[in-house]
């Protein structure tokens, strides 16, 4: 979002100061100063600001307290981007004459431009008391509030500005920004639309309208707004970035990468552009390139925790990243949050709080629901959603909680106070470094006991995160040193039954030619070493083929990338089939054509593994040293299909070939594995609940 500033002076929003100065210049006591000021004003009006400043300086050499020379030179310096000098000059003008609201307004604009926001707020409040109803003054006060993330006060200031001057489009546009930050989407949209009605070429307001559509999950409408902006201003970086993000949400990953790359080229020092490019590349399966883009963003703004989280997530997909590497990176988060270690306080678990941005129709929410059912009546549950999404499945979770309190946009200190007021004994993070996380709250020790679970496949790096709730397969004893948290083991495994609605027909194999290997995991998980070995396995079995299904394969570049690696591994490209987004029923029915599922590495499946097993299809995994490469092993162990777990490449190849030859065994699994999977995972909900109630091992 882009804020405007209201500068009253030559070439700016209003010329009231210029006009008044010109009137004074016609009849002053000194003809020399009159002539000089008139010349300066004329130059200023023509946009020759540097030349005008020379004239104003000559006047000030004669009369250092000449009000018009002070305030006009201050305005000129501001227009040239010399904010610090403008602050001094305009402040001096106010000392000479504090009765001109236009000069106060320009001083506010200069203070904002110089980054002196607290001083701008104090100055603006004092000036607005003296000159209520001056739109430019309260508008620039709103900009100061905005820079301090005081969005409610910013919205009120912009509202006052447009009430004072109803045709002030910039005030309507900036109020739209503030209302959007406050979660008031309807008001934000009304303000943005009014701004555009007043000034159709106010591109910042159109970008805001696009963001409003994005927040409302109307990517199609958002795309149209951004494209309209770029038709007029092809170099508008923010529009390119937002368009890239919307296109990714809309499934047009290749176009998303194109626009993000343009944004990076237009402004190489804009971290949001590199973040957008990183997400697009990750969607195409180029994890290394994505990590590089995220790393550039972190270098551009090393103080932004979300950028580090994005980089960490991308590194999870890279085969050459070790668990030790991930821990060292993650431990940088505490420094960004400025947090200090506070030891936990063990005690009974009477109240549990769950913090997540995925408390809805998301794997996290679906795995959590049976756990909350198992906790019902045994402890008090509080939910702390970190975004504004409101889904029917989220209601099912909320019905099992004492309260649900949103953390979206809530400052860290306020969030910590709220959780402490709820007297939470155990606070559970369900996000890790994924979207909408609030690790800042855990870094500040919001609860006596804190743990991470389910949402992220690795260590958070947060010193005040006491434990990671997992199992001995995912966090084996030899890997404990690669976690900043203590291991907190769940007997039997970490996953529950996520209430999958699978058509009965999906559990039946349909006749087809040859053995069909498949993966329904996202493209980013299909690393080059993994694809190369898949090609070796599949091509070694006569008549075998490979089915890859994921919405990301709508990307032509993603498919081309996968083809290239498979061919390098010896695969006949004619034996590779891609499927993309399908309706839920058709998605599950596709399993009728699958004989063996291949788990990717180094970032394996979890939800995908559960649904595959629930359809009666065996999953073959190569367990590695990292958490991400042991999730499927945990699920297979819980379900009782331990023959699907291998630990060496030779063992993996041998097992895959043996399974391909044993059609009778696979057919028998079709009949037994679905019920076996559901039953075993349902039992885990009670075990997880019991583990939570015992509290983390803090001794």
Foldseek 3Di string as FASTA:
>chain_A
DDADAAAAPAPGDHPVLLVVQLVCLVDDPDVVLSVLQVVLSVCSNVVVLVVSLVSLVVVCVVPVQPLSSLLHNLSSCVVVLVLVVSLVSLVSSCVSPVPDLNSLLNNLVSCVSVVVLVVSLVSLVVSCVVPPLALNSLQSNLSSCVVVLVLVSSLVSLVSNCVSPVLPLSSLQVNLVSCVLVVNLVSSLVSLVSSCVSPVLPLSSLQSNLVSCVLVVNLVSSLVSLVVNCVVPVLPLSSLLSNLVSCVSVLNLVVSLVSLVSSCVSPVLDLSSLQSNLVSCLLLQNLVSSLVSLVSSCVSPVLDVLSLLSNLVSLQLDPPDDLLNSLVSLLCVLVSLVFDDDAFDDDFQQEEEEEEQPCFPDQLVLQCLLLLVLCAPPHAYEYEHQDDDDYPSSVSVQVSHPYYHYPHSPDLVRVLVVLVVVVGAEYEYAAQSHPRGPVSNQLHPSHSAYAYEHRDQHANSRLSHAEYEWACQLQPPVNQVSHSYHYQHFPLTRTFFSPDDAPLLLLAADDDWAAEEEEADRSNNADLVQLLLVLLLQVVGPRYAYEYEEQSVVDPSSVVVSVVSSVVSVHDVVRYHYHYDDPPHVVSSVSSHHAAYEFGPPAGDAVRLLSNLLSLHYYAAAADDGSRRRRSCSLCSLLVVNLSYHHDSVSSSVSSVVSSVCPVVSNVSSVPRNVSSNVSRNVSSNSVSVSVSVGGPSD
